[in-house]
């Protein structure tokens, strides 16, 4: 299993039935934004700092097939992008992301 990670608002996640179709930002960009374990903390600080009610979603990237593309993005880093809905069957786990006093999210241990 090759885990990749996605930040999702609780209300958006609760609205998903068989698949998650992404946030308004994902829809605007044409793909769901994912990160590796090494990238996710910086991604949260840059794009979701101070945002409450976030979940961290761990996804088995091996189950996403050709819809998952690894593409250069911020600073030349390669990020996983999913072109299509996320099937809920590919989700390994979800965890809440509480905020620290500094406005940064407190992450669980990731595999």
N, C-alpha and C. Protein backbone atom coordinates (compact mmCIF):
# COMPACT_ATOMS: atom_id res chain seq x y z
N UNK A 1 0.85 -1.17 0.00
CA UNK A 1 0.00 0.00 0.00
C UNK A 1 0.89 1.24 0.00
N UNK A 2 0.62 2.16 -0.88
CA UNK A 2 1.36 3.40 -1.01
C UNK A 2 0.43 4.55 -0.62
N UNK A 3 0.56 5.06 0.61
CA UNK A 3 -0.37 6.07 1.10
C UNK A 3 -0.02 7.47 0.60
N UNK A 4 -1.06 8.19 0.19
CA UNK A 4 -1.00 9.60 -0.12
C UNK A 4 -2.08 10.28 0.72
N UNK A 5 -2.00 11.61 0.85
CA UNK A 5 -2.85 12.29 1.82
C UNK A 5 -3.57 13.48 1.20
N UNK A 6 -4.79 13.69 1.72
CA UNK A 6 -5.63 14.79 1.24
C UNK A 6 -6.26 15.48 2.43
N UNK A 7 -6.36 16.80 2.38
CA UNK A 7 -7.03 17.58 3.41
C UNK A 7 -8.45 17.85 2.94
N UNK A 8 -9.42 17.57 3.79
CA UNK A 8 -10.82 17.74 3.40
C UNK A 8 -11.60 18.39 4.54
N UNK A 9 -12.50 19.28 4.16
CA UNK A 9 -13.39 19.88 5.16
C UNK A 9 -14.41 18.84 5.59
N UNK A 10 -14.71 18.80 6.87
CA UNK A 10 -15.63 17.79 7.41
C UNK A 10 -16.97 17.79 6.69
N UNK A 11 -17.52 18.97 6.43
CA UNK A 11 -18.83 19.05 5.76
C UNK A 11 -18.77 18.46 4.36
N UNK A 12 -17.68 18.71 3.63
CA UNK A 12 -17.52 18.14 2.28
C UNK A 12 -17.43 16.62 2.35
N UNK A 13 -16.69 16.14 3.34
CA UNK A 13 -16.51 14.68 3.48
C UNK A 13 -17.83 14.02 3.84
N UNK A 14 -18.59 14.65 4.73
CA UNK A 14 -19.88 14.09 5.15
C UNK A 14 -20.86 14.01 3.99
N UNK A 15 -20.70 14.86 2.98
CA UNK A 15 -21.60 14.87 1.82
C UNK A 15 -21.26 13.79 0.80
N UNK A 16 -20.10 13.16 0.92
CA UNK A 16 -19.68 12.13 -0.04
C UNK A 16 -20.51 10.86 0.16
N UNK A 17 -20.90 10.23 -0.93
CA UNK A 17 -21.66 8.98 -0.86
C UNK A 17 -20.72 7.83 -1.23
N UNK A 18 -20.65 7.46 -2.49
CA UNK A 18 -19.74 6.39 -2.94
C UNK A 18 -18.37 6.92 -3.31
N UNK A 19 -18.30 8.24 -3.55
CA UNK A 19 -17.04 8.85 -3.97
C UNK A 19 -17.01 10.29 -3.48
N UNK A 20 -15.80 10.79 -3.30
CA UNK A 20 -15.59 12.18 -2.92
C UNK A 20 -15.14 12.93 -4.18
N UNK A 21 -15.82 14.03 -4.48
CA UNK A 21 -15.57 14.77 -5.72
C UNK A 21 -14.70 16.00 -5.54
N UNK A 22 -14.26 16.25 -4.33
CA UNK A 22 -13.33 17.34 -4.08
C UNK A 22 -13.98 18.61 -3.59
N UNK A 23 -13.12 19.53 -3.22
CA UNK A 23 -13.53 20.84 -2.72
C UNK A 23 -13.76 21.78 -3.89
N UNK A 24 -14.20 22.98 -3.58
CA UNK A 24 -14.35 24.00 -4.63
C UNK A 24 -13.00 24.29 -5.28
N UNK A 25 -11.93 24.27 -4.49
CA UNK A 25 -10.58 24.50 -5.03
C UNK A 25 -10.17 23.37 -5.98
N UNK A 26 -10.48 22.13 -5.61
CA UNK A 26 -10.17 20.99 -6.47
C UNK A 26 -10.93 21.10 -7.79
N UNK A 27 -12.22 21.43 -7.69
CA UNK A 27 -13.05 21.57 -8.89
C UNK A 27 -12.49 22.66 -9.80
N UNK A 28 -12.10 23.78 -9.22
CA UNK A 28 -11.51 24.88 -10.00
C UNK A 28 -10.24 24.44 -10.73
N UNK A 29 -9.41 23.65 -10.06
CA UNK A 29 -8.13 23.23 -10.64
C UNK A 29 -8.25 22.02 -11.56
N UNK A 30 -9.37 21.29 -11.48
CA UNK A 30 -9.59 20.15 -12.37
C UNK A 30 -9.05 18.84 -11.86
N UNK A 31 -8.61 18.80 -10.61
CA UNK A 31 -8.10 17.57 -10.01
C UNK A 31 -8.12 17.69 -8.49
N UNK A 32 -8.07 16.56 -7.79
CA UNK A 32 -7.97 16.55 -6.34
C UNK A 32 -6.50 16.62 -5.96
N UNK A 33 -6.20 17.54 -5.06
CA UNK A 33 -4.83 17.76 -4.60
C UNK A 33 -4.47 16.76 -3.51
N UNK A 34 -3.39 16.04 -3.70
CA UNK A 34 -2.86 15.13 -2.69
C UNK A 34 -1.43 15.51 -2.38
N UNK A 35 -0.91 14.97 -1.29
CA UNK A 35 0.47 15.18 -0.89
C UNK A 35 1.02 13.87 -0.35
N UNK A 36 2.33 13.78 -0.31
CA UNK A 36 2.98 12.66 0.37
C UNK A 36 3.04 12.99 1.86
N UNK A 37 3.46 12.03 2.66
CA UNK A 37 3.62 12.27 4.10
C UNK A 37 4.64 13.38 4.35
N UNK A 38 5.67 13.47 3.52
CA UNK A 38 6.69 14.50 3.67
C UNK A 38 6.21 15.89 3.26
N UNK A 39 5.13 15.98 2.48
CA UNK A 39 4.65 17.26 1.97
C UNK A 39 3.42 17.80 2.68
N UNK A 40 2.64 16.94 3.33
CA UNK A 40 1.31 17.32 3.80
C UNK A 40 1.32 18.40 4.87
N UNK A 41 2.28 18.39 5.77
CA UNK A 41 2.32 19.40 6.84
C UNK A 41 2.53 20.79 6.24
N UNK A 42 3.46 20.91 5.30
CA UNK A 42 3.68 22.20 4.64
C UNK A 42 2.47 22.63 3.82
N UNK A 43 1.82 21.67 3.16
CA UNK A 43 0.62 21.99 2.37
C UNK A 43 -0.48 22.54 3.27
N UNK A 44 -0.67 21.92 4.43
CA UNK A 44 -1.70 22.39 5.36
C UNK A 44 -1.38 23.80 5.86
N UNK A 45 -0.11 24.06 6.18
CA UNK A 45 0.29 25.38 6.66
C UNK A 45 0.10 26.44 5.59
N UNK A 46 0.38 26.09 4.34
CA UNK A 46 0.27 27.06 3.24
C UNK A 46 -1.17 27.32 2.83
N UNK A 47 -1.98 26.26 2.74
CA UNK A 47 -3.32 26.39 2.15
C UNK A 47 -4.48 26.36 3.15
N UNK A 48 -4.26 25.84 4.36
CA UNK A 48 -5.39 25.67 5.29
C UNK A 48 -5.09 26.18 6.70
N UNK A 49 -4.05 26.96 6.87
CA UNK A 49 -3.68 27.47 8.19
C UNK A 49 -4.88 28.14 8.85
N UNK A 50 -5.13 27.77 10.11
CA UNK A 50 -6.21 28.36 10.90
C UNK A 50 -7.60 27.83 10.58
N UNK A 51 -7.70 26.94 9.61
CA UNK A 51 -9.01 26.42 9.23
C UNK A 51 -9.42 25.28 10.16
N UNK A 52 -10.61 25.41 10.71
CA UNK A 52 -11.14 24.39 11.63
C UNK A 52 -11.91 23.32 10.85
N UNK A 53 -12.20 22.24 11.54
CA UNK A 53 -13.02 21.15 10.99
C UNK A 53 -12.42 20.50 9.75
N UNK A 54 -11.10 20.32 9.77
CA UNK A 54 -10.43 19.60 8.68
C UNK A 54 -10.18 18.17 9.08
N UNK A 55 -10.19 17.32 8.08
CA UNK A 55 -9.82 15.92 8.25
C UNK A 55 -8.61 15.62 7.38
N UNK A 56 -7.77 14.73 7.85
CA UNK A 56 -6.68 14.19 7.05
C UNK A 56 -7.14 12.84 6.54
N UNK A 57 -7.12 12.67 5.23
CA UNK A 57 -7.56 11.42 4.58
C UNK A 57 -6.33 10.72 4.04
N UNK A 58 -6.12 9.49 4.45
CA UNK A 58 -5.04 8.66 3.91
C UNK A 58 -5.63 7.73 2.87
N UNK A 59 -5.05 7.72 1.69
CA UNK A 59 -5.58 6.98 0.55
C UNK A 59 -4.51 6.05 0.00
N UNK A 60 -4.94 4.85 -0.34
CA UNK A 60 -4.04 3.90 -1.00
C UNK A 60 -3.93 4.30 -2.47
N UNK A 61 -2.85 4.99 -2.79
CA UNK A 61 -2.65 5.47 -4.16
C UNK A 61 -2.61 4.36 -5.19
N UNK A 62 -2.22 3.16 -4.77
CA UNK A 62 -2.17 2.02 -5.71
C UNK A 62 -3.55 1.66 -6.26
N UNK A 63 -4.60 2.04 -5.55
CA UNK A 63 -5.97 1.71 -5.98
C UNK A 63 -6.56 2.73 -6.96
N UNK A 64 -5.83 3.79 -7.25
CA UNK A 64 -6.40 4.87 -8.05
C UNK A 64 -6.11 4.75 -9.55
N UNK A 65 -5.24 3.84 -9.91
CA UNK A 65 -4.97 3.57 -11.33
C UNK A 65 -4.42 4.77 -12.08
N UNK A 66 -4.78 4.84 -13.37
CA UNK A 66 -4.25 5.87 -14.26
C UNK A 66 -4.79 7.26 -13.97
N UNK A 67 -5.82 7.37 -13.14
CA UNK A 67 -6.37 8.69 -12.80
C UNK A 67 -5.42 9.48 -11.89
N UNK A 68 -4.46 8.79 -11.26
CA UNK A 68 -3.49 9.44 -10.38
C UNK A 68 -2.26 9.80 -11.20
N UNK A 69 -1.93 11.08 -11.20
CA UNK A 69 -0.76 11.58 -11.93
C UNK A 69 0.18 12.27 -10.94
N UNK A 70 1.46 12.06 -11.11
CA UNK A 70 2.47 12.74 -10.31
C UNK A 70 3.01 13.88 -11.15
N UNK A 71 2.79 15.13 -10.66
CA UNK A 71 3.11 16.29 -11.46
C UNK A 71 3.90 17.32 -10.66
N UNK A 72 4.80 18.01 -11.36
CA UNK A 72 5.59 19.07 -10.73
C UNK A 72 4.67 20.21 -10.34
N UNK A 73 4.93 20.75 -9.17
CA UNK A 73 4.13 21.85 -8.66
C UNK A 73 5.04 22.78 -7.87
N UNK A 74 4.60 23.17 -6.70
CA UNK A 74 5.30 24.12 -5.84
C UNK A 74 6.80 23.81 -5.71
N UNK A 75 7.61 24.76 -6.12
CA UNK A 75 9.05 24.62 -5.96
C UNK A 75 9.65 23.46 -6.72
N UNK A 76 8.95 22.98 -7.76
CA UNK A 76 9.46 21.86 -8.54
C UNK A 76 9.21 20.50 -7.90
N UNK A 77 8.59 20.49 -6.71
CA UNK A 77 8.26 19.20 -6.08
C UNK A 77 7.21 18.48 -6.90
N UNK A 78 7.22 17.17 -6.84
CA UNK A 78 6.24 16.35 -7.54
C UNK A 78 5.15 15.96 -6.55
N UNK A 79 3.91 16.30 -6.91
CA UNK A 79 2.75 16.02 -6.06
C UNK A 79 1.80 15.07 -6.78
N UNK A 80 1.09 14.23 -6.02
CA UNK A 80 0.05 13.38 -6.63
C UNK A 80 -1.24 14.16 -6.83
N UNK A 81 -1.79 14.06 -8.03
CA UNK A 81 -3.05 14.71 -8.39
C UNK A 81 -3.99 13.65 -8.94
N UNK A 82 -5.23 13.65 -8.46
CA UNK A 82 -6.22 12.67 -8.90
C UNK A 82 -7.20 13.35 -9.86
N UNK A 83 -7.21 12.85 -11.09
CA UNK A 83 -8.11 13.38 -12.12
C UNK A 83 -9.36 12.51 -12.16
N UNK A 84 -10.29 12.83 -11.30
CA UNK A 84 -11.53 12.09 -11.18
C UNK A 84 -11.90 11.99 -9.72
N UNK A 85 -13.08 11.44 -9.44
CA UNK A 85 -13.51 11.32 -8.05
C UNK A 85 -12.68 10.30 -7.28
N UNK A 86 -12.62 10.48 -5.97
CA UNK A 86 -11.93 9.56 -5.09
C UNK A 86 -12.91 8.48 -4.63
N UNK A 87 -12.69 7.22 -5.05
CA UNK A 87 -13.58 6.16 -4.56
C UNK A 87 -13.33 5.94 -3.06
N UNK A 88 -14.39 5.91 -2.28
CA UNK A 88 -14.23 5.77 -0.83
C UNK A 88 -13.58 4.45 -0.45
N UNK A 89 -13.67 3.45 -1.31
CA UNK A 89 -13.04 2.16 -1.04
C UNK A 89 -11.52 2.26 -1.00
N UNK A 90 -10.94 3.31 -1.58
CA UNK A 90 -9.49 3.50 -1.59
C UNK A 90 -8.98 4.19 -0.32
N UNK A 91 -9.89 4.65 0.53
CA UNK A 91 -9.50 5.38 1.75
C UNK A 91 -9.07 4.38 2.82
N UNK A 92 -7.84 4.55 3.29
CA UNK A 92 -7.30 3.68 4.34
C UNK A 92 -7.77 4.13 5.71
N UNK A 93 -7.77 5.45 5.95
CA UNK A 93 -8.25 5.99 7.22
C UNK A 93 -8.47 7.50 7.12
N UNK A 94 -9.21 8.01 8.10
CA UNK A 94 -9.41 9.46 8.25
C UNK A 94 -9.11 9.83 9.70
N UNK A 95 -8.56 11.03 9.89
CA UNK A 95 -8.27 11.53 11.24
C UNK A 95 -8.61 13.02 11.29
N UNK A 96 -9.17 13.49 12.40
CA UNK A 96 -9.38 14.92 12.55
C UNK A 96 -8.04 15.63 12.69
N UNK A 97 -8.00 16.89 12.25
CA UNK A 97 -6.78 17.70 12.38
C UNK A 97 -7.07 18.89 13.29
N UNK A 98 -6.85 18.72 14.58
CA UNK A 98 -7.09 19.85 15.50
C UNK A 98 -6.05 20.94 15.26
N UNK A 99 -6.44 22.16 15.65
CA UNK A 99 -5.54 23.31 15.53
C UNK A 99 -4.78 23.52 16.82
N UNK A 100 -3.51 23.85 16.67
CA UNK A 100 -2.72 24.27 17.81
C UNK A 100 -2.93 25.75 18.06
N UNK A 101 -2.40 26.27 19.15
CA UNK A 101 -2.53 27.69 19.48
C UNK A 101 -1.91 28.59 18.42
N UNK A 102 -0.98 28.05 17.65
CA UNK A 102 -0.30 28.82 16.61
C UNK A 102 -1.06 28.83 15.28
N UNK A 103 -2.24 28.18 15.24
CA UNK A 103 -3.02 28.14 14.01
C UNK A 103 -2.61 27.04 13.05
N UNK A 104 -1.61 26.26 13.43
CA UNK A 104 -1.16 25.15 12.60
C UNK A 104 -1.85 23.87 13.06
N UNK A 105 -2.08 22.97 12.13
CA UNK A 105 -2.75 21.71 12.45
C UNK A 105 -1.79 20.74 13.11
N UNK A 106 -2.35 19.94 14.01
CA UNK A 106 -1.59 18.93 14.72
C UNK A 106 -1.82 17.60 14.04
N UNK A 107 -0.78 17.05 13.45
CA UNK A 107 -0.88 15.84 12.64
C UNK A 107 -0.62 14.57 13.45
N UNK A 108 -1.33 13.51 13.10
CA UNK A 108 -1.05 12.21 13.72
C UNK A 108 0.23 11.63 13.10
N UNK A 109 0.70 10.56 13.67
CA UNK A 109 1.81 9.83 13.06
C UNK A 109 1.30 9.22 11.76
N UNK A 110 2.07 9.41 10.70
CA UNK A 110 1.67 8.87 9.39
C UNK A 110 2.65 7.80 8.96
N UNK A 111 2.11 6.78 8.30
CA UNK A 111 2.94 5.68 7.81
C UNK A 111 3.70 6.08 6.57
